[in-house]
Structure formats: structure tokens, C-alpha cells
C-alpha atoms as a PDB file:
ATOM      1  CA  MET A   1      -0.020   0.032   0.024  1.00  0.00           C
ATOM      2  CA  THR A   2       1.305   3.418  -0.771  1.00  0.00           C
ATOM      3  CA  ILE A   3       0.117   6.833   0.181  1.00  0.00           C
ATOM      4  CA  ALA A   4       1.044  10.003  -1.559  1.00  0.00           C
ATOM      5  CA  THR A   5       4.211  11.290  -0.072  1.00  0.00           C
ATOM      6  CA  ASP A   6       4.822  14.292  -2.238  1.00  0.00           C
ATOM      7  CA  ILE A   7       3.505  16.749   0.380  1.00  0.00           C
ATOM      8  CA  ALA A   8       5.463  19.970   0.129  1.00  0.00           C
ATOM      9  CA  THR A   9       3.118  22.722   1.398  1.00  0.00           C
ATOM     10  CA  PRO A  10       3.501  24.940   4.466  1.00  0.00           C
ATOM     11  CA  PRO A  11       2.376  24.594   8.189  1.00  0.00           C
ATOM     12  CA  VAL A  12       0.935  21.784  10.053  1.00  0.00           C
ATOM     13  CA  LEU A  13      -2.788  21.678  11.014  1.00  0.00           C
ATOM     14  CA  ASN A  14      -4.071  20.506  14.416  1.00  0.00           C
ATOM     15  CA  LEU A  15      -5.756  17.160  14.088  1.00  0.00           C
ATOM     16  CA  ILE A  16      -7.429  17.510  17.466  1.00  0.00           C
ATOM     17  CA  ASP A  17     -10.019  19.587  15.693  1.00  0.00           C
ATOM     18  CA  ARG A  18     -10.806  16.801  13.445  1.00  0.00           C
ATOM     19  CA  GLU A  19     -11.324  14.039  16.084  1.00  0.00           C
ATOM     20  CA  ASN A  20     -15.175  14.729  16.441  1.00  0.00           C
ATOM     21  CA  ASP A  21     -15.692  15.534  12.737  1.00  0.00           C
ATOM     22  CA  GLN A  22     -17.876  12.819  11.365  1.00  0.00           C
ATOM     23  CA  SER A  23     -17.085  13.728   7.870  1.00  0.00           C
ATOM     24  CA  TYR A  24     -13.345  13.227   8.676  1.00  0.00           C
ATOM     25  CA  GLN A  25     -14.004   9.929  10.335  1.00  0.00           C
ATOM     26  CA  MET A  26     -15.887   8.685   7.327  1.00  0.00           C
ATOM     27  CA  ALA A  27     -13.018   9.940   5.082  1.00  0.00           C
ATOM     28  CA  LYS A  28     -10.570   7.848   7.251  1.00  0.00           C
ATOM     29  CA  ALA A  29     -12.831   4.824   6.885  1.00  0.00           C
ATOM     30  CA  ALA A  30     -13.051   5.162   3.167  1.00  0.00           C
ATOM     31  CA  ALA A  31      -9.142   5.471   3.024  1.00  0.00           C
ATOM     32  CA  ILE A  32      -8.806   2.412   5.142  1.00  0.00           C
ATOM     33  CA  ALA A  33     -11.351   0.464   2.993  1.00  0.00           C
ATOM     34  CA  ALA A  34      -9.377   1.337  -0.017  1.00  0.00           C
ATOM     35  CA  ASP A  35      -6.274   0.028   1.642  1.00  0.00           C
ATOM     36  CA  ASP A  36      -8.077  -3.139   2.461  1.00  0.00           C
ATOM     37  CA  ARG A  37      -8.714  -3.643  -1.193  1.00  0.00           C
ATOM     38  CA  LYS A  38      -5.016  -2.932  -2.099  1.00  0.00           C
ATOM     39  CA  GLY A  39      -5.671   0.582  -3.422  1.00  0.00           C
ATOM     40  CA  GLU A  40      -2.530   2.583  -4.111  1.00  0.00           C
ATOM     41  CA  ASN A  41      -1.663   6.207  -3.703  1.00  0.00           C
ATOM     42  CA  ILE A  42      -4.441   6.910  -1.260  1.00  0.00           C
ATOM     43  CA  VAL A  43      -4.933  10.613  -0.696  1.00  0.00           C
ATOM     44  CA  LEU A  44      -7.196  12.400   1.720  1.00  0.00           C
ATOM     45  CA  LEU A  45      -7.712  16.083   0.872  1.00  0.00           C
ATOM     46  CA  ALA A  46      -9.509  18.731   3.050  1.00  0.00           C
ATOM     47  CA  ILE A  47     -11.458  20.192   0.112  1.00  0.00           C
ATOM     48  CA  GLY A  48     -13.774  22.091   2.522  1.00  0.00           C
ATOM     49  CA  GLU A  49     -10.954  24.541   3.449  1.00  0.00           C
ATOM     50  CA  VAL A  50     -10.855  25.670  -0.163  1.00  0.00           C
ATOM     51  CA  SER A  51     -14.381  24.886  -1.698  1.00  0.00           C
ATOM     52  CA  SER A  52     -17.947  24.419  -0.582  1.00  0.00           C
ATOM     53  CA  LEU A  53     -18.197  21.388  -2.859  1.00  0.00           C
ATOM     54  CA  ALA A  54     -17.452  19.043   0.018  1.00  0.00           C
ATOM     55  CA  GLU A  55     -15.473  18.751   3.275  1.00  0.00           C
ATOM     56  CA  TYR A  56     -13.145  15.906   2.142  1.00  0.00           C
ATOM     57  CA  PHE A  57     -12.072  13.875  -1.018  1.00  0.00           C
ATOM     58  CA  VAL A  58     -10.589  10.448  -0.786  1.00  0.00           C
ATOM     59  CA  ILE A  59      -8.846   9.519  -3.996  1.00  0.00           C
ATOM     60  CA  ALA A  60      -7.568   5.890  -4.541  1.00  0.00           C
ATOM     61  CA  THR A  61      -6.034   4.118  -7.440  1.00  0.00           C
ATOM     62  CA  GLY A  62      -6.986   0.549  -8.599  1.00  0.00           C
ATOM     63  CA  PHE A  63      -5.230  -1.283 -11.378  1.00  0.00           C
ATOM     64  CA  SER A  64      -8.318  -3.020 -12.795  1.00  0.00           C
ATOM     65  CA  LYS A  65     -12.021  -2.347 -13.150  1.00  0.00           C
ATOM     66  CA  ALA A  66     -12.722  -5.170 -10.655  1.00  0.00           C
ATOM     67  CA  GLN A  67     -10.305  -3.523  -8.126  1.00  0.00           C
ATOM     68  CA  VAL A  68     -11.833  -0.087  -8.610  1.00  0.00           C
ATOM     69  CA  ARG A  69     -15.354  -1.610  -7.982  1.00  0.00           C
ATOM     70  CA  ALA A  70     -14.018  -3.449  -4.912  1.00  0.00           C
ATOM     71  CA  ILE A  71     -12.471  -0.294  -3.456  1.00  0.00           C
ATOM     72  CA  ALA A  72     -15.744   1.630  -3.967  1.00  0.00           C
ATOM     73  CA  ASN A  73     -17.962  -1.092  -2.812  1.00  0.00           C
ATOM     74  CA  THR A  74     -15.891  -1.606   0.452  1.00  0.00           C
ATOM     75  CA  ALA A  75     -15.758   2.094   1.116  1.00  0.00           C
ATOM     76  CA  GLU A  76     -19.664   2.263   0.737  1.00  0.00           C
ATOM     77  CA  GLU A  77     -20.178  -0.782   2.947  1.00  0.00           C
ATOM     78  CA  GLU A  78     -17.791   0.509   5.664  1.00  0.00           C
ATOM     79  CA  ILE A  79     -19.396   3.903   5.704  1.00  0.00           C
ATOM     80  CA  GLU A  80     -22.868   2.391   5.938  1.00  0.00           C
ATOM     81  CA  ILE A  81     -21.961   0.064   8.715  1.00  0.00           C
ATOM     82  CA  GLU A  82     -19.935   2.540  10.836  1.00  0.00           C
ATOM     83  CA  PHE A  83     -22.004   5.648  10.183  1.00  0.00           C
ATOM     84  CA  GLY A  84     -25.450   4.432   8.828  1.00  0.00           C
ATOM     85  CA  ARG A  85     -24.899   6.598   5.746  1.00  0.00           C
ATOM     86  CA  LYS A  86     -25.545   5.814   2.008  1.00  0.00           C
ATOM     87  CA  PRO A  87     -24.128   7.943  -0.872  1.00  0.00           C
ATOM     88  CA  LYS A  88     -26.468  10.600  -2.281  1.00  0.00           C
ATOM     89  CA  ASN A  89     -25.231   9.620  -5.655  1.00  0.00           C
ATOM     90  CA  ILE A  90     -22.884   7.115  -7.204  1.00  0.00           C
ATOM     91  CA  ALA A  91     -21.441   7.574 -10.651  1.00  0.00           C
ATOM     92  CA  GLY A  92     -19.278   5.323 -12.802  1.00  0.00           C
ATOM     93  CA  GLU A  93     -20.338   1.879 -11.421  1.00  0.00           C
ATOM     94  CA  GLN A  94     -21.120   0.578 -14.995  1.00  0.00           C
ATOM     95  CA  ASP A  95     -17.923   1.520 -16.548  1.00  0.00           C
ATOM     96  CA  GLY A  96     -15.774   0.828 -13.421  1.00  0.00           C
ATOM     97  CA  SER A  97     -12.748   3.030 -14.533  1.00  0.00           C
ATOM     98  CA  TRP A  98     -13.692   5.899 -12.156  1.00  0.00           C
ATOM     99  CA  ILE A  99     -16.336   5.413  -9.468  1.00  0.00           C
ATOM    100  CA  LEU A 100     -17.467   8.364  -7.466  1.00  0.00           C
ATOM    101  CA  LEU A 101     -19.379   7.981  -4.164  1.00  0.00           C
ATOM    102  CA  ASP A 102     -20.948  11.284  -3.240  1.00  0.00           C
ATOM    103  CA  TYR A 103     -21.962  11.860   0.346  1.00  0.00           C
ATOM    104  CA  GLY A 104     -22.357  15.455   0.209  1.00  0.00           C
ATOM    105  CA  ASP A 105     -19.709  16.232   2.756  1.00  0.00           C
ATOM    106  CA  LEU A 106     -17.338  13.394   1.455  1.00  0.00           C
ATOM    107  CA  ILE A 107     -16.560  12.435  -2.088  1.00  0.00           C
ATOM    108  CA  VAL A 108     -14.747   9.096  -2.588  1.00  0.00           C
ATOM    109  CA  HIS A 109     -13.000   8.733  -5.904  1.00  0.00           C
ATOM    110  CA  ALA A 110     -11.851   5.176  -6.828  1.00  0.00           C
ATOM    111  CA  MET A 111      -9.901   5.457 -10.200  1.00  0.00           C
ATOM    112  CA  MET A 112      -7.966   3.438 -12.625  1.00  0.00           C
ATOM    113  CA  ALA A 113      -4.305   4.735 -12.875  1.00  0.00           C
ATOM    114  CA  GLN A 114      -4.840   6.133 -16.391  1.00  0.00           C
ATOM    115  CA  GLU A 115      -7.859   8.236 -15.414  1.00  0.00           C
ATOM    116  CA  ARG A 116      -6.129   9.489 -12.240  1.00  0.00           C
ATOM    117  CA  GLU A 117      -3.169  10.533 -14.136  1.00  0.00           C
ATOM    118  CA  TYR A 118      -5.322  12.108 -16.982  1.00  0.00           C
ATOM    119  CA  TYR A 119      -7.632  14.118 -14.649  1.00  0.00           C
ATOM    120  CA  ASP A 120      -5.025  14.736 -11.836  1.00  0.00           C
ATOM    121  CA  LEU A 121      -7.424  15.687  -9.085  1.00  0.00           C
ATOM    122  CA  GLU A 122      -4.548  16.306  -6.694  1.00  0.00           C
ATOM    123  CA  ALA A 123      -3.099  19.062  -9.046  1.00  0.00           C
ATOM    124  CA  PHE A 124      -6.527  20.548  -9.684  1.00  0.00           C
ATOM    125  CA  TRP A 125      -7.268  20.704  -6.044  1.00  0.00           C
ATOM    126  CA  GLY A 126      -3.522  21.240  -5.104  1.00  0.00           C
ATOM    127  CA  HIS A 127      -4.339  24.153  -2.988  1.00  0.00           C
ATOM    128  CA  ALA A 128      -6.308  21.914  -0.490  1.00  0.00           C
ATOM    129  CA  PRO A 129      -4.435  20.508   2.418  1.00  0.00           C
ATOM    130  CA  LYS A 130      -3.534  16.833   2.097  1.00  0.00           C
ATOM    131  CA  LEU A 131      -4.142  15.038   5.368  1.00  0.00           C
ATOM    132  CA  GLU A 132      -2.480  12.038   7.037  1.00  0.00           C
ATOM    133  CA  VAL A 133      -3.907   8.543   6.752  1.00  0.00           C
ATOM    134  CA  VAL A 134      -2.921   6.210   9.432  1.00  0.00           C
ATOM    135  CA  LEU A 135      -3.690   2.559   8.766  1.00  0.00           C
ATOM    136  CA  PRO A 136      -4.661   0.378  11.675  1.00  0.00           C
ATOM    137  CA  ASP A 137      -2.033  -2.273  11.179  1.00  0.00           C
ATOM    138  CA  ALA A 138       0.712  -0.065   9.926  1.00  0.00           C
ATOM    139  CA  GLU A 139       3.322   2.011  11.416  1.00  0.00           C
ATOM    140  CA  VAL A 140       2.677   5.825  11.092  1.00  0.00           C
ATOM    141  CA  LYS A 141       2.809   6.708   7.322  1.00  0.00           C
ATOM    142  CA  ASN A 142       2.961  10.349   6.386  1.00  0.00           C
ATOM    143  CA  VAL A 143       2.972  11.921   9.734  1.00  0.00           C
ATOM    144  CA  VAL A 144       2.768  15.224   7.918  1.00  0.00           C
ATOM    145  CA  VAL A 145      -0.463  17.038   7.918  1.00  0.00           C
ATOM    146  CA  THR A 146      -0.224  20.132   5.737  1.00  0.00           C
ATOM    147  CA  ALA A 147      -2.202  23.327   5.252  1.00  0.00           C
ATOM    148  CA  ILE A 148      -2.358  25.724   2.250  1.00  0.00           C
END
């Protein structure tokens, strides 16, 4: 499992503010679900700091349409089990190269590598802080939490 490590933006945010934030907890659950399905380059962006579109984006890469579907399905299941929430909208299930789960406050993007590279959401939303993703069974990865 890899998590984006090219974080090169200024100061550190205080995670304590996010501990009681259900949207953030859902985003972490989606990131962990993506990792469970061997998603790569998992990124959690605090979109709400720069846009009213949502509070958080989770972006994960899969290397086959089946894996992209598995990432999206597992994230959807985990969020429903843990938080009792279902997506307001799901896009891309039929094609499977980019599946988007829209919860209003959280948007999960499970994408094939080609789509991820072409659309480059991290660059488009590059002014949004990238947040740490700590996996339950792993040592701390990317202990950097950055702000714009």
C-alpha cells in the first residue's frame, strides 16, 4: 500500500479539531477500506478548506476495473456500517474505471491509474491540504498534515 508522499506545502494543522468531525472519520474509513482492497496512492484532501463542494475527498487508485469496484464497494459498505450513511449519488459503476461516491460532505474517488493521471485531481485541488492517513495495522505513514 502506498500513500501520496509528495507533500510539500507549509504549516501543520491541528488534528485534534478533526477528532469529532464525522465527515473526517468517514473519510478515514474510506481510505482504510481502499487500503483493504489494495488501493494505491491513497490521498485524503481537506477540500472544505478551499471549496464548498464537500469537506473531504478520498482518492485511491485501482489497477483493474474489478479492483476499482471493490475499493468503491468496500468504502460504501464500511461507511454504511460505521456511520449509517449511504451515498447521495454514485457515478461510474457501470464502466468501473472511475467510481465516485458522493455523500455531500465526502466524495470518494476510486480510479484506474490512467484516469487518475489524466484528470489529476490532486493538481486541480492542489491548494487543498493533504491530510495524514494512518492505517490500523501499519506504522505511522505520512505523519505530515499540511495546510495551504
